[in-house]
Amino acid sequence: QVQLVESGGGLVQAGESLRLSCAASRPIFRIRVMGWYRQVPGKQRESVALITNGGRSQYADSVKGRFTISRDNRKNTMYLQMNRLTPEDTAVYYCKAAYDGGDDYWGQGTQVTVSS
């Protein structure tokens, strides 16, 4: 089992940047896929960006070219660099760890609010 703690959310203006962090309680090099998801009230949680333990990444169309996902196995931390934020990026952002074998773990979420 692993605990995930997100940080770095906050209130920014449109066009500004934020960097989210997801710190894991255990080494992450064995985590097959890590990802960032977001959710707004009344809508389903959606995938924002994913990264494999081999470093391959995948992005939602709405964030391509603006967001960058990365992971630092030495620090047991995953990041999401978010640039050129828009009000449509406002959501609670969650990190997820997916192990081989099907075990998934979620963080508690961090709020990102982008004002126009």
C-alpha atoms as a PDB file:
ATOM      1  CA  GLN A   1       0.000   0.000   0.000  1.00  0.00           C
ATOM      2  CA  VAL A   2       1.171   3.532  -0.735  1.00  0.00           C
ATOM      3  CA  GLN A   3      -0.023   6.918   0.489  1.00  0.00           C
ATOM      4  CA  LEU A   4      -0.076   9.772  -1.991  1.00  0.00           C
ATOM      5  CA  VAL A   5      -0.101  13.422  -0.964  1.00  0.00           C
ATOM      6  CA  GLU A   6      -0.716  16.183  -3.482  1.00  0.00           C
ATOM      7  CA  SER A   7       0.425  19.756  -3.005  1.00  0.00           C
ATOM      8  CA  GLY A   8       0.942  22.915  -5.011  1.00  0.00           C
ATOM      9  CA  GLY A   9      -2.627  23.878  -5.788  1.00  0.00           C
ATOM     10  CA  GLY A  10      -3.942  27.373  -5.300  1.00  0.00           C
ATOM     11  CA  LEU A  11      -5.593  30.404  -6.819  1.00  0.00           C
ATOM     12  CA  VAL A  12      -3.979  31.972  -9.865  1.00  0.00           C
ATOM     13  CA  GLN A  13      -4.995  34.242 -12.708  1.00  0.00           C
ATOM     14  CA  ALA A  14      -5.493  33.084 -16.257  1.00  0.00           C
ATOM     15  CA  GLY A  15      -2.184  32.759 -18.075  1.00  0.00           C
ATOM     16  CA  GLU A  16      -0.179  31.983 -14.973  1.00  0.00           C
ATOM     17  CA  SER A  17       1.501  28.724 -13.973  1.00  0.00           C
ATOM     18  CA  LEU A  18       1.421  26.205 -11.145  1.00  0.00           C
ATOM     19  CA  ARG A  19       3.385  23.076 -10.374  1.00  0.00           C
ATOM     20  CA  LEU A  20       1.630  20.259  -8.584  1.00  0.00           C
ATOM     21  CA  SER A  21       3.531  17.598  -6.659  1.00  0.00           C
ATOM     22  CA  CYS A  22       2.458  14.119  -5.625  1.00  0.00           C
ATOM     23  CA  ALA A  23       4.664  12.645  -2.916  1.00  0.00           C
ATOM     24  CA  ALA A  24       4.519   8.893  -2.340  1.00  0.00           C
ATOM     25  CA  SER A  25       5.173   7.127   0.943  1.00  0.00           C
ATOM     26  CA  ARG A  26       7.034   4.312  -0.799  1.00  0.00           C
ATOM     27  CA  PRO A  27       9.443   4.051  -3.731  1.00  0.00           C
ATOM     28  CA  ILE A  28       7.658   4.765  -6.968  1.00  0.00           C
ATOM     29  CA  PHE A  29       9.951   2.983  -9.395  1.00  0.00           C
ATOM     30  CA  ARG A  30       7.721  -0.099  -9.158  1.00  0.00           C
ATOM     31  CA  ILE A  31       4.562   1.858  -9.983  1.00  0.00           C
ATOM     32  CA  ARG A  32       3.646   0.948 -13.532  1.00  0.00           C
ATOM     33  CA  VAL A  33       1.691   4.097 -14.323  1.00  0.00           C
ATOM     34  CA  MET A  34       1.209   7.317 -12.401  1.00  0.00           C
ATOM     35  CA  GLY A  35      -1.231   9.965 -13.418  1.00  0.00           C
ATOM     36  CA  TRP A  36      -2.977  13.223 -12.740  1.00  0.00           C
ATOM     37  CA  TYR A  37      -6.749  13.461 -12.886  1.00  0.00           C
ATOM     38  CA  ARG A  38      -9.139  16.310 -12.235  1.00  0.00           C
ATOM     39  CA  GLN A  39     -12.746  16.688 -11.265  1.00  0.00           C
ATOM     40  CA  VAL A  40     -15.243  19.522 -11.085  1.00  0.00           C
ATOM     41  CA  PRO A  41     -18.531  19.282  -9.192  1.00  0.00           C
ATOM     42  CA  GLY A  42     -21.195  17.423 -11.108  1.00  0.00           C
ATOM     43  CA  LYS A  43     -18.773  15.923 -13.620  1.00  0.00           C
ATOM     44  CA  GLN A  44     -16.818  12.721 -13.862  1.00  0.00           C
ATOM     45  CA  ARG A  45     -13.181  12.618 -12.943  1.00  0.00           C
ATOM     46  CA  GLU A  46     -11.084  12.910 -16.080  1.00  0.00           C
ATOM     47  CA  SER A  47      -7.553  11.939 -16.956  1.00  0.00           C
ATOM     48  CA  VAL A  48      -5.186  14.861 -17.458  1.00  0.00           C
ATOM     49  CA  ALA A  49      -1.779  13.228 -17.906  1.00  0.00           C
ATOM     50  CA  LEU A  50      -0.181   9.824 -17.409  1.00  0.00           C
ATOM     51  CA  ILE A  51       3.421   8.678 -17.178  1.00  0.00           C
ATOM     52  CA  THR A  52       4.806   5.149 -17.137  1.00  0.00           C
ATOM     53  CA  ASN A  53       7.772   3.894 -15.139  1.00  0.00           C
ATOM     54  CA  GLY A  54       9.615   3.912 -18.450  1.00  0.00           C
ATOM     55  CA  GLY A  55       8.978   7.623 -18.855  1.00  0.00           C
ATOM     56  CA  ARG A  56       6.351   7.510 -21.587  1.00  0.00           C
ATOM     57  CA  SER A  57       3.697  10.188 -21.177  1.00  0.00           C
ATOM     58  CA  GLN A  58       0.206  10.832 -22.452  1.00  0.00           C
ATOM     59  CA  TYR A  59      -1.948  13.945 -22.230  1.00  0.00           C
ATOM     60  CA  ALA A  60      -5.553  14.950 -22.593  1.00  0.00           C
ATOM     61  CA  ASP A  61      -6.082  17.022 -25.724  1.00  0.00           C
ATOM     62  CA  SER A  62      -7.185  19.986 -23.636  1.00  0.00           C
ATOM     63  CA  VAL A  63      -3.784  20.279 -21.909  1.00  0.00           C
ATOM     64  CA  LYS A  64      -1.348  19.234 -24.637  1.00  0.00           C
ATOM     65  CA  GLY A  65       1.367  21.811 -25.085  1.00  0.00           C
ATOM     66  CA  ARG A  66       0.566  23.489 -21.765  1.00  0.00           C
ATOM     67  CA  PHE A  67       1.045  20.791 -19.121  1.00  0.00           C
ATOM     68  CA  THR A  68       4.066  18.567 -18.520  1.00  0.00           C
ATOM     69  CA  ILE A  69       4.075  15.470 -16.348  1.00  0.00           C
ATOM     70  CA  SER A  70       7.255  14.086 -14.827  1.00  0.00           C
ATOM     71  CA  ARG A  71       8.378  11.732 -12.094  1.00  0.00           C
ATOM     72  CA  ASP A  72      11.501  11.701  -9.952  1.00  0.00           C
ATOM     73  CA  ASN A  73      12.101   8.185  -8.678  1.00  0.00           C
ATOM     74  CA  ARG A  74      14.856   9.393  -6.344  1.00  0.00           C
ATOM     75  CA  LYS A  75      12.411  11.679  -4.570  1.00  0.00           C
ATOM     76  CA  ASN A  76       9.412   9.357  -4.899  1.00  0.00           C
ATOM     77  CA  THR A  77       7.492  12.271  -6.352  1.00  0.00           C
ATOM     78  CA  MET A  78       5.490  12.983  -9.468  1.00  0.00           C
ATOM     79  CA  TYR A  79       4.923  16.472 -10.825  1.00  0.00           C
ATOM     80  CA  LEU A  80       2.552  18.335 -13.091  1.00  0.00           C
ATOM     81  CA  GLN A  81       3.818  21.596 -14.496  1.00  0.00           C
ATOM     82  CA  MET A  82       0.818  23.612 -15.655  1.00  0.00           C
ATOM     83  CA  ASN A  83       1.411  26.644 -17.853  1.00  0.00           C
ATOM     84  CA  ARG A  84      -0.953  29.118 -19.513  1.00  0.00           C
ATOM     85  CA  LEU A  85      -3.743  28.156 -17.171  1.00  0.00           C
ATOM     86  CA  THR A  86      -7.327  28.994 -18.094  1.00  0.00           C
ATOM     87  CA  PRO A  87     -10.524  29.097 -16.007  1.00  0.00           C
ATOM     88  CA  GLU A  88     -11.467  25.774 -17.629  1.00  0.00           C
ATOM     89  CA  ASP A  89      -8.555  24.183 -15.750  1.00  0.00           C
ATOM     90  CA  THR A  90     -10.261  24.927 -12.431  1.00  0.00           C
ATOM     91  CA  ALA A  91     -10.802  21.616 -10.629  1.00  0.00           C
ATOM     92  CA  VAL A  92      -9.631  19.389  -7.834  1.00  0.00           C
ATOM     93  CA  TYR A  93      -6.533  17.591  -9.073  1.00  0.00           C
ATOM     94  CA  TYR A  94      -5.799  14.060  -7.905  1.00  0.00           C
ATOM     95  CA  CYS A  95      -2.797  11.836  -8.385  1.00  0.00           C
ATOM     96  CA  LYS A  96      -3.080   8.115  -8.906  1.00  0.00           C
ATOM     97  CA  ALA A  97      -0.672   5.209  -8.732  1.00  0.00           C
ATOM     98  CA  ALA A  98      -1.369   2.029 -10.655  1.00  0.00           C
ATOM     99  CA  TYR A  99       0.669  -1.071  -9.856  1.00  0.00           C
ATOM    100  CA  ASP A 100       1.013  -4.217 -11.875  1.00  0.00           C
ATOM    101  CA  GLY A 101      -1.649  -6.577 -10.615  1.00  0.00           C
ATOM    102  CA  GLY A 102      -4.400  -3.998 -10.606  1.00  0.00           C
ATOM    103  CA  ASP A 103      -3.920  -2.191  -7.297  1.00  0.00           C
ATOM    104  CA  ASP A 104      -4.703   1.512  -7.648  1.00  0.00           C
ATOM    105  CA  TYR A 105      -4.190   4.267  -5.080  1.00  0.00           C
ATOM    106  CA  TRP A 106      -5.401   7.863  -5.018  1.00  0.00           C
ATOM    107  CA  GLY A 107      -4.335  10.996  -3.218  1.00  0.00           C
ATOM    108  CA  GLN A 108      -6.737  13.285  -1.397  1.00  0.00           C
ATOM    109  CA  GLY A 109      -6.681  16.003  -4.059  1.00  0.00           C
ATOM    110  CA  THR A 110      -5.557  19.604  -4.305  1.00  0.00           C
ATOM    111  CA  GLN A 111      -7.714  22.496  -5.480  1.00  0.00           C
ATOM    112  CA  VAL A 112      -6.670  24.554  -8.474  1.00  0.00           C
ATOM    113  CA  THR A 113      -8.663  27.700  -9.166  1.00  0.00           C
ATOM    114  CA  VAL A 114      -7.972  29.915 -12.159  1.00  0.00           C
ATOM    115  CA  SER A 115      -9.634  33.312 -12.260  1.00  0.00           C
ATOM    116  CA  SER A 116     -10.319  35.153 -15.500  1.00  0.00           C
END
